Amino acid sequence: MRVELRAPTADDTRAIGRALATLLRPGDVVALGGELGAGKTILVQGAAAELGVSTRVLSPTFTLVREYRGSVPVYHLDVYRLHRLQDVLDLGFQEMTDAGAVVFVEWGDSIEALLTESHVEITLRSDEATEERWISVVAEGPAWAERWERLESALEPWTEAIP
């Protein structure tokens, strides 16, 4: 299940995060990919706000993990600098996914073997000259099969073929 989106502005990217979050449940994992500066943290900012996080959401690049309190716990990880799956497990990844939290993993494609059976993969690509982004959302597993139509509907305002 895949949907392709166009986000003309950073606010649109945040809005896409908010729309996604309306369907997130405790235990969900969202893997984020794309080049540096593509908007991964911006998307998480919108999702976290929808999940009741009232504090500022910052990039976890230098801290590796940021934890936020909202209607559910929200973890935001950056695994770019980690070279082994064991490093990710040592961060407590398994405990985060078991704790009824929503987990966002920047560079999540690099830890595909650790992702839960049902998860969302989001790839962002940005235009260097503008803040426009193209976003691919792929949902995997049975938990997302039952939510897919609602997710497509929530993301419909930004649906567009990626060039």
C-alpha atoms as a PDB file:
ATOM      1  CA  MET A   1       0.000   0.000   0.000  1.00  0.00           C
ATOM      2  CA  ARG A   2       1.562   3.235  -1.152  1.00  0.00           C
ATOM      3  CA  VAL A   3       0.536   6.854  -1.608  1.00  0.00           C
ATOM      4  CA  GLU A   4       2.596   9.648  -3.167  1.00  0.00           C
ATOM      5  CA  LEU A   5       2.277  13.195  -1.834  1.00  0.00           C
ATOM      6  CA  ARG A   6       3.390  16.715  -2.672  1.00  0.00           C
ATOM      7  CA  ALA A   7       4.058  19.170   0.153  1.00  0.00           C
ATOM      8  CA  PRO A   8       4.612  22.681  -1.269  1.00  0.00           C
ATOM      9  CA  THR A   9       5.680  24.149   2.104  1.00  0.00           C
ATOM     10  CA  ALA A  10       7.086  23.095   5.471  1.00  0.00           C
ATOM     11  CA  ASP A  11       3.625  23.744   6.922  1.00  0.00           C
ATOM     12  CA  ASP A  12       2.215  21.190   4.476  1.00  0.00           C
ATOM     13  CA  THR A  13       4.831  18.689   5.644  1.00  0.00           C
ATOM     14  CA  ARG A  14       3.765  19.295   9.256  1.00  0.00           C
ATOM     15  CA  ALA A  15       0.109  18.940   8.226  1.00  0.00           C
ATOM     16  CA  ILE A  16       0.879  15.589   6.601  1.00  0.00           C
ATOM     17  CA  GLY A  17       2.452  14.503   9.890  1.00  0.00           C
ATOM     18  CA  ARG A  18      -0.686  15.609  11.741  1.00  0.00           C
ATOM     19  CA  ALA A  19      -2.917  13.721   9.297  1.00  0.00           C
ATOM     20  CA  LEU A  20      -0.842  10.559   9.693  1.00  0.00           C
ATOM     21  CA  ALA A  21      -0.930  10.855  13.476  1.00  0.00           C
ATOM     22  CA  THR A  22      -4.738  10.772  13.545  1.00  0.00           C
ATOM     23  CA  LEU A  23      -4.391   7.080  12.663  1.00  0.00           C
ATOM     24  CA  LEU A  24      -1.371   6.171  14.781  1.00  0.00           C
ATOM     25  CA  ARG A  25      -1.855   3.816  17.706  1.00  0.00           C
ATOM     26  CA  PRO A  26       0.361   2.925  20.661  1.00  0.00           C
ATOM     27  CA  GLY A  27       3.006   0.503  19.421  1.00  0.00           C
ATOM     28  CA  ASP A  28       3.208   1.954  15.905  1.00  0.00           C
ATOM     29  CA  VAL A  29       6.590   2.496  14.279  1.00  0.00           C
ATOM     30  CA  VAL A  30       7.184   5.048  11.526  1.00  0.00           C
ATOM     31  CA  ALA A  31      10.472   4.714   9.605  1.00  0.00           C
ATOM     32  CA  LEU A  32      11.605   7.936   7.942  1.00  0.00           C
ATOM     33  CA  GLY A  33      14.050   8.152   5.057  1.00  0.00           C
ATOM     34  CA  GLY A  34      15.414  10.773   2.703  1.00  0.00           C
ATOM     35  CA  GLU A  35      18.464  12.939   2.334  1.00  0.00           C
ATOM     36  CA  LEU A  36      19.652  15.351   5.007  1.00  0.00           C
ATOM     37  CA  GLY A  37      17.314  18.324   5.231  1.00  0.00           C
ATOM     38  CA  ALA A  38      14.451  16.567   3.450  1.00  0.00           C
ATOM     39  CA  GLY A  39      11.976  17.330   6.239  1.00  0.00           C
ATOM     40  CA  LYS A  40      11.938  14.234   8.437  1.00  0.00           C
ATOM     41  CA  THR A  41      11.906  16.197  11.697  1.00  0.00           C
ATOM     42  CA  ILE A  42       9.360  18.669  10.309  1.00  0.00           C
ATOM     43  CA  LEU A  43       6.970  15.784   9.607  1.00  0.00           C
ATOM     44  CA  VAL A  44       7.530  14.424  13.133  1.00  0.00           C
ATOM     45  CA  GLN A  45       6.775  17.886  14.565  1.00  0.00           C
ATOM     46  CA  GLY A  46       3.302  17.767  13.018  1.00  0.00           C
ATOM     47  CA  ALA A  47       2.662  14.194  14.090  1.00  0.00           C
ATOM     48  CA  ALA A  48       3.842  14.836  17.646  1.00  0.00           C
ATOM     49  CA  ALA A  49       1.607  17.903  17.939  1.00  0.00           C
ATOM     50  CA  GLU A  50      -1.386  15.811  16.883  1.00  0.00           C
ATOM     51  CA  LEU A  51      -0.373  13.215  19.501  1.00  0.00           C
ATOM     52  CA  GLY A  52      -0.599  15.876  22.204  1.00  0.00           C
ATOM     53  CA  VAL A  53       3.065  16.815  22.530  1.00  0.00           C
ATOM     54  CA  SER A  54       3.184  20.437  23.646  1.00  0.00           C
ATOM     55  CA  THR A  55       6.971  20.870  23.870  1.00  0.00           C
ATOM     56  CA  ARG A  56       9.157  21.772  20.904  1.00  0.00           C
ATOM     57  CA  VAL A  57      10.171  18.742  18.834  1.00  0.00           C
ATOM     58  CA  LEU A  58      13.835  18.890  17.879  1.00  0.00           C
ATOM     59  CA  SER A  59      16.024  16.732  15.679  1.00  0.00           C
ATOM     60  CA  PRO A  60      17.505  13.776  17.556  1.00  0.00           C
ATOM     61  CA  THR A  61      20.656  13.846  15.396  1.00  0.00           C
ATOM     62  CA  PHE A  62      23.098  14.519  18.244  1.00  0.00           C
ATOM     63  CA  THR A  63      21.165  12.925  21.113  1.00  0.00           C
ATOM     64  CA  LEU A  64      20.058   9.812  19.142  1.00  0.00           C
ATOM     65  CA  VAL A  65      16.751   9.568  21.076  1.00  0.00           C
ATOM     66  CA  ARG A  66      14.265  12.173  22.191  1.00  0.00           C
ATOM     67  CA  GLU A  67      11.266  11.261  24.308  1.00  0.00           C
ATOM     68  CA  TYR A  68       8.102  13.347  24.443  1.00  0.00           C
ATOM     69  CA  ARG A  69       4.961  13.130  26.532  1.00  0.00           C
ATOM     70  CA  GLY A  70       1.605  13.490  24.836  1.00  0.00           C
ATOM     71  CA  SER A  71      -1.576  11.440  24.735  1.00  0.00           C
ATOM     72  CA  VAL A  72       0.863   8.532  24.248  1.00  0.00           C
ATOM     73  CA  PRO A  73       4.631   8.467  24.738  1.00  0.00           C
ATOM     74  CA  VAL A  74       6.452   9.552  21.568  1.00  0.00           C
ATOM     75  CA  TYR A  75      10.021   8.500  20.798  1.00  0.00           C
ATOM     76  CA  HIS A  76      12.004  10.151  18.017  1.00  0.00           C
ATOM     77  CA  LEU A  77      15.229   8.369  17.068  1.00  0.00           C
ATOM     78  CA  ASP A  78      18.026   9.091  14.651  1.00  0.00           C
ATOM     79  CA  VAL A  79      20.003   5.949  13.769  1.00  0.00           C
ATOM     80  CA  TYR A  80      22.175   7.560  11.072  1.00  0.00           C
ATOM     81  CA  ARG A  81      25.384   7.299  13.101  1.00  0.00           C
ATOM     82  CA  LEU A  82      24.714   3.771  14.348  1.00  0.00           C
ATOM     83  CA  HIS A  83      26.483   1.060  12.406  1.00  0.00           C
ATOM     84  CA  ARG A  84      25.073  -2.134  13.896  1.00  0.00           C
ATOM     85  CA  LEU A  85      21.569  -3.315  14.688  1.00  0.00           C
ATOM     86  CA  GLN A  86      22.826  -4.102  18.180  1.00  0.00           C
ATOM     87  CA  ASP A  87      23.557  -0.385  18.667  1.00  0.00           C
ATOM     88  CA  VAL A  88      19.880   0.339  18.012  1.00  0.00           C
ATOM     89  CA  LEU A  89      18.806  -2.403  20.417  1.00  0.00           C
ATOM     90  CA  ASP A  90      21.193  -0.952  23.024  1.00  0.00           C
ATOM     91  CA  LEU A  91      19.299   2.360  22.740  1.00  0.00           C
ATOM     92  CA  GLY A  92      16.231   0.488  24.009  1.00  0.00           C
ATOM     93  CA  PHE A  93      14.421   0.228  20.682  1.00  0.00           C
ATOM     94  CA  GLN A  94      12.624  -3.002  21.614  1.00  0.00           C
ATOM     95  CA  GLU A  95      11.483  -1.529  24.935  1.00  0.00           C
ATOM     96  CA  MET A  96      10.192   1.579  23.151  1.00  0.00           C
ATOM     97  CA  THR A  97       8.085  -0.475  20.762  1.00  0.00           C
ATOM     98  CA  ASP A  98       6.786  -2.637  23.627  1.00  0.00           C
ATOM     99  CA  ALA A  99       5.942   0.359  25.858  1.00  0.00           C
ATOM    100  CA  GLY A 100       2.789   1.441  24.046  1.00  0.00           C
ATOM    101  CA  ALA A 101       4.576   4.387  22.483  1.00  0.00           C
ATOM    102  CA  VAL A 102       4.624   5.743  18.947  1.00  0.00           C
ATOM    103  CA  VAL A 103       8.165   5.525  17.600  1.00  0.00           C
ATOM    104  CA  PHE A 104       9.574   7.638  14.748  1.00  0.00           C
ATOM    105  CA  VAL A 105      12.936   6.457  13.383  1.00  0.00           C
ATOM    106  CA  GLU A 106      14.940   8.752  11.125  1.00  0.00           C
ATOM    107  CA  TRP A 107      17.010   6.654   8.687  1.00  0.00           C
ATOM    108  CA  GLY A 108      14.663   3.793   9.594  1.00  0.00           C
ATOM    109  CA  ASP A 109      15.360   2.022   6.308  1.00  0.00           C
ATOM    110  CA  SER A 110      18.751   1.068   7.758  1.00  0.00           C
ATOM    111  CA  ILE A 111      17.127  -0.992  10.531  1.00  0.00           C
ATOM    112  CA  GLU A 112      14.422  -2.695   8.502  1.00  0.00           C
ATOM    113  CA  ALA A 113      15.159  -6.017  10.220  1.00  0.00           C
ATOM    114  CA  LEU A 114      14.089  -4.506  13.569  1.00  0.00           C
ATOM    115  CA  LEU A 115      10.877  -2.854  12.402  1.00  0.00           C
ATOM    116  CA  THR A 116       7.607  -4.282  13.640  1.00  0.00           C
ATOM    117  CA  GLU A 117       5.550  -6.400  11.243  1.00  0.00           C
ATOM    118  CA  SER A 118       3.093  -3.548  10.792  1.00  0.00           C
ATOM    119  CA  HIS A 119       4.823  -0.211  10.257  1.00  0.00           C
ATOM    120  CA  VAL A 120       4.867   2.839   8.020  1.00  0.00           C
ATOM    121  CA  GLU A 121       7.804   3.806   5.815  1.00  0.00           C
ATOM    122  CA  ILE A 122       7.985   7.438   4.736  1.00  0.00           C
ATOM    123  CA  THR A 123      10.546   8.703   2.246  1.00  0.00           C
ATOM    124  CA  LEU A 124      10.958  12.446   1.737  1.00  0.00           C
ATOM    125  CA  ARG A 125      12.674  14.185  -1.135  1.00  0.00           C
ATOM    126  CA  SER A 126      13.086  17.945  -1.272  1.00  0.00           C
ATOM    127  CA  ASP A 127      13.697  20.475  -4.000  1.00  0.00           C
ATOM    128  CA  GLU A 128      16.981  22.242  -3.260  1.00  0.00           C
ATOM    129  CA  ALA A 129      15.711  25.573  -4.627  1.00  0.00           C
ATOM    130  CA  THR A 130      12.407  25.620  -2.709  1.00  0.00           C
ATOM    131  CA  GLU A 131      10.984  24.043   0.420  1.00  0.00           C
ATOM    132  CA  GLU A 132       8.750  21.784  -1.687  1.00  0.00           C
ATOM    133  CA  ARG A 133       8.847  18.102  -0.790  1.00  0.00           C
ATOM    134  CA  TRP A 134       7.667  14.890  -2.372  1.00  0.00           C
ATOM    135  CA  ILE A 135       6.699  12.263   0.154  1.00  0.00           C
ATOM    136  CA  SER A 136       6.121   8.569  -0.372  1.00  0.00           C
ATOM    137  CA  VAL A 137       4.108   6.754   2.310  1.00  0.00           C
ATOM    138  CA  VAL A 138       4.152   2.959   2.387  1.00  0.00           C
ATOM    139  CA  ALA A 139       2.196   0.991   4.978  1.00  0.00           C
ATOM    140  CA  GLU A 140       3.147  -2.593   5.769  1.00  0.00           C
ATOM    141  CA  GLY A 141       1.349  -5.348   7.642  1.00  0.00           C
ATOM    142  CA  PRO A 142      -2.123  -6.307   8.773  1.00  0.00           C
ATOM    143  CA  ALA A 143      -2.580  -3.476  11.290  1.00  0.00           C
ATOM    144  CA  TRP A 144      -2.203  -0.950   8.466  1.00  0.00           C
ATOM    145  CA  ALA A 145      -4.297  -2.922   5.986  1.00  0.00           C
ATOM    146  CA  GLU A 146      -7.342  -2.182   8.142  1.00  0.00           C
ATOM    147  CA  ARG A 147      -6.461   1.526   8.412  1.00  0.00           C
ATOM    148  CA  TRP A 148      -5.258   2.092   4.849  1.00  0.00           C
ATOM    149  CA  GLU A 149      -8.410   3.601   3.349  1.00  0.00           C
ATOM    150  CA  ARG A 150      -8.685   6.067   6.234  1.00  0.00           C
ATOM    151  CA  LEU A 151      -5.009   6.987   5.829  1.00  0.00           C
ATOM    152  CA  GLU A 152      -5.426   7.574   2.084  1.00  0.00           C
ATOM    153  CA  SER A 153      -8.426   9.759   2.815  1.00  0.00           C
ATOM    154  CA  ALA A 154      -6.549  11.770   5.476  1.00  0.00           C
ATOM    155  CA  LEU A 155      -3.638  12.355   3.083  1.00  0.00           C
ATOM    156  CA  GLU A 156      -5.786  13.069   0.014  1.00  0.00           C
ATOM    157  CA  PRO A 157      -5.232  16.877   0.007  1.00  0.00           C
ATOM    158  CA  TRP A 158      -1.548  16.291  -0.810  1.00  0.00           C
ATOM    159  CA  THR A 159      -1.911  13.304  -3.153  1.00  0.00           C
ATOM    160  CA  GLU A 160       0.025  13.848  -6.359  1.00  0.00           C
ATOM    161  CA  ALA A 161       2.277  11.837  -8.617  1.00  0.00           C
ATOM    162  CA  ILE A 162       5.923  12.272  -7.712  1.00  0.00           C
ATOM    163  CA  PRO A 163       7.956  13.643 -10.622  1.00  0.00           C
END
